[in-house]
C-alpha atoms as a PDB file:
ATOM      1  CA  UNK A   1       0.000   0.000   0.000  1.00  0.00           C
ATOM      2  CA  UNK A   2       2.817   2.398   0.834  1.00  0.00           C
ATOM      3  CA  UNK A   3       4.394   1.706  -2.560  1.00  0.00           C
ATOM      4  CA  UNK A   4       1.248   2.879  -4.345  1.00  0.00           C
ATOM      5  CA  UNK A   5       1.162   6.046  -2.254  1.00  0.00           C
ATOM      6  CA  UNK A   6       4.834   6.707  -3.009  1.00  0.00           C
ATOM      7  CA  UNK A   7       4.308   6.233  -6.750  1.00  0.00           C
ATOM      8  CA  UNK A   8       1.338   8.616  -6.661  1.00  0.00           C
ATOM      9  CA  UNK A   9       3.355  11.195  -4.695  1.00  0.00           C
ATOM     10  CA  UNK A  10       6.295  10.877  -7.116  1.00  0.00           C
ATOM     11  CA  UNK A  11       3.919  11.538 -10.004  1.00  0.00           C
ATOM     12  CA  UNK A  12       2.341  14.559  -8.336  1.00  0.00           C
ATOM     13  CA  UNK A  13       5.648  16.168  -7.412  1.00  0.00           C
ATOM     14  CA  UNK A  14       7.077  15.459 -10.864  1.00  0.00           C
ATOM     15  CA  UNK A  15       4.098  17.205 -12.445  1.00  0.00           C
ATOM     16  CA  UNK A  16       4.595  20.114 -10.042  1.00  0.00           C
ATOM     17  CA  UNK A  17       8.249  20.357 -11.096  1.00  0.00           C
ATOM     18  CA  UNK A  18       7.230  20.547 -14.734  1.00  0.00           C
ATOM     19  CA  UNK A  19       4.704  23.270 -13.967  1.00  0.00           C
ATOM     20  CA  UNK A  20       7.354  25.193 -12.015  1.00  0.00           C
ATOM     21  CA  UNK A  21       9.714  24.925 -14.952  1.00  0.00           C
ATOM     22  CA  UNK A  22       6.983  26.279 -17.215  1.00  0.00           C
ATOM     23  CA  UNK A  23       6.438  29.226 -14.835  1.00  0.00           C
ATOM     24  CA  UNK A  24      10.176  29.961 -14.773  1.00  0.00           C
ATOM     25  CA  UNK A  25      10.289  29.996 -18.571  1.00  0.00           C
ATOM     26  CA  UNK A  26       7.091  31.981 -19.151  1.00  0.00           C
ATOM     27  CA  UNK A  27       6.647  33.993 -15.957  1.00  0.00           C
ATOM     28  CA  UNK A  28       5.437  37.520 -16.617  1.00  0.00           C
ATOM     29  CA  UNK A  29       7.743  39.055 -14.021  1.00  0.00           C
ATOM     30  CA  UNK A  30      10.881  38.374 -12.077  1.00  0.00           C
ATOM     31  CA  UNK A  31       8.916  37.913  -8.840  1.00  0.00           C
ATOM     32  CA  UNK A  32       6.992  35.052 -10.442  1.00  0.00           C
ATOM     33  CA  UNK A  33      10.241  33.458 -11.539  1.00  0.00           C
ATOM     34  CA  UNK A  34      11.719  33.764  -8.038  1.00  0.00           C
ATOM     35  CA  UNK A  35       8.619  32.170  -6.518  1.00  0.00           C
ATOM     36  CA  UNK A  36       8.696  29.353  -9.068  1.00  0.00           C
ATOM     37  CA  UNK A  37      12.370  28.702  -8.338  1.00  0.00           C
ATOM     38  CA  UNK A  38      11.695  28.575  -4.601  1.00  0.00           C
ATOM     39  CA  UNK A  39       8.743  26.234  -5.154  1.00  0.00           C
ATOM     40  CA  UNK A  40      10.933  24.070  -7.363  1.00  0.00           C
ATOM     41  CA  UNK A  41      13.449  23.727  -4.525  1.00  0.00           C
ATOM     42  CA  UNK A  42      10.661  22.696  -2.166  1.00  0.00           C
ATOM     43  CA  UNK A  43       9.455  20.082  -4.650  1.00  0.00           C
ATOM     44  CA  UNK A  44      12.981  18.698  -5.037  1.00  0.00           C
ATOM     45  CA  UNK A  45      13.224  18.422  -1.248  1.00  0.00           C
ATOM     46  CA  UNK A  46       9.946  16.504  -1.200  1.00  0.00           C
ATOM     47  CA  UNK A  47      11.183  14.169  -3.948  1.00  0.00           C
ATOM     48  CA  UNK A  48      14.390  13.496  -2.017  1.00  0.00           C
ATOM     49  CA  UNK A  49      12.433  12.679   1.133  1.00  0.00           C
ATOM     50  CA  UNK A  50      10.095  10.388  -0.806  1.00  0.00           C
ATOM     51  CA  UNK A  51      13.046   8.637  -2.431  1.00  0.00           C
ATOM     52  CA  UNK A  52      14.620   8.188   1.006  1.00  0.00           C
ATOM     53  CA  UNK A  53      11.407   6.585   2.232  1.00  0.00           C
ATOM     54  CA  UNK A  54      11.279   4.310  -0.808  1.00  0.00           C
ATOM     55  CA  UNK A  55      14.928   3.205  -0.489  1.00  0.00           C
ATOM     56  CA  UNK A  56      14.664   3.025   3.335  1.00  0.00           C
ATOM     57  CA  UNK A  57      17.909   4.915   3.976  1.00  0.00           C
ATOM     58  CA  UNK A  58      18.672   8.115   5.860  1.00  0.00           C
ATOM     59  CA  UNK A  59      21.258   9.594   3.485  1.00  0.00           C
ATOM     60  CA  UNK A  60      18.592  11.215   1.312  1.00  0.00           C
ATOM     61  CA  UNK A  61      17.195  13.096   4.300  1.00  0.00           C
ATOM     62  CA  UNK A  62      20.611  14.689   4.804  1.00  0.00           C
ATOM     63  CA  UNK A  63      20.738  15.535   1.105  1.00  0.00           C
ATOM     64  CA  UNK A  64      17.287  17.140   1.435  1.00  0.00           C
ATOM     65  CA  UNK A  65      18.586  19.276   4.298  1.00  0.00           C
ATOM     66  CA  UNK A  66      21.542  20.435   2.187  1.00  0.00           C
ATOM     67  CA  UNK A  67      19.257  21.268  -0.739  1.00  0.00           C
ATOM     68  CA  UNK A  68      17.009  23.238   1.630  1.00  0.00           C
ATOM     69  CA  UNK A  69      19.916  25.340   2.886  1.00  0.00           C
ATOM     70  CA  UNK A  70      21.294  26.004  -0.589  1.00  0.00           C
ATOM     71  CA  UNK A  71      17.800  26.780  -1.891  1.00  0.00           C
ATOM     72  CA  UNK A  72      17.199  29.327   0.850  1.00  0.00           C
ATOM     73  CA  UNK A  73      20.508  31.069   0.239  1.00  0.00           C
ATOM     74  CA  UNK A  74      19.973  31.127  -3.526  1.00  0.00           C
ATOM     75  CA  UNK A  75      16.471  32.564  -3.157  1.00  0.00           C
ATOM     76  CA  UNK A  76      17.710  35.327  -0.862  1.00  0.00           C
ATOM     77  CA  UNK A  77      20.632  36.111  -3.178  1.00  0.00           C
ATOM     78  CA  UNK A  78      18.398  36.242  -6.243  1.00  0.00           C
ATOM     79  CA  UNK A  79      15.915  38.539  -4.475  1.00  0.00           C
ATOM     80  CA  UNK A  80      18.707  40.871  -3.375  1.00  0.00           C
ATOM     81  CA  UNK A  81      20.063  40.941  -6.911  1.00  0.00           C
ATOM     82  CA  UNK A  82      16.664  41.859  -8.339  1.00  0.00           C
ATOM     83  CA  UNK A  83      16.009  44.533  -5.710  1.00  0.00           C
ATOM     84  CA  UNK A  84      19.432  46.177  -5.438  1.00  0.00           C
ATOM     85  CA  UNK A  85      21.419  45.099  -8.473  1.00  0.00           C
ATOM     86  CA  UNK A  86      24.206  43.512  -6.430  1.00  0.00           C
ATOM     87  CA  UNK A  87      24.443  40.665  -3.967  1.00  0.00           C
ATOM     88  CA  UNK A  88      27.342  41.680  -1.736  1.00  0.00           C
ATOM     89  CA  UNK A  89      27.629  45.294  -0.633  1.00  0.00           C
END
């Protein structure tokens, strides 16, 4: 039963990644692109956690934590670049 739920969740998050990619490519503004990139990071984290559950190992949870930290820093840096024109003052 858990395998069916994992397959369904993989499909849903994969579809969400494709929709995020579409929003990054065709977003009307830079704020939409930033939000889509941040949502894409969240979906990748969810896929890593699901894959860790499927493989029954803890290494993917650590990878999800690293992706979360890098995703947060990249989102903040991209927002600062859009607002101010530079990242480091």
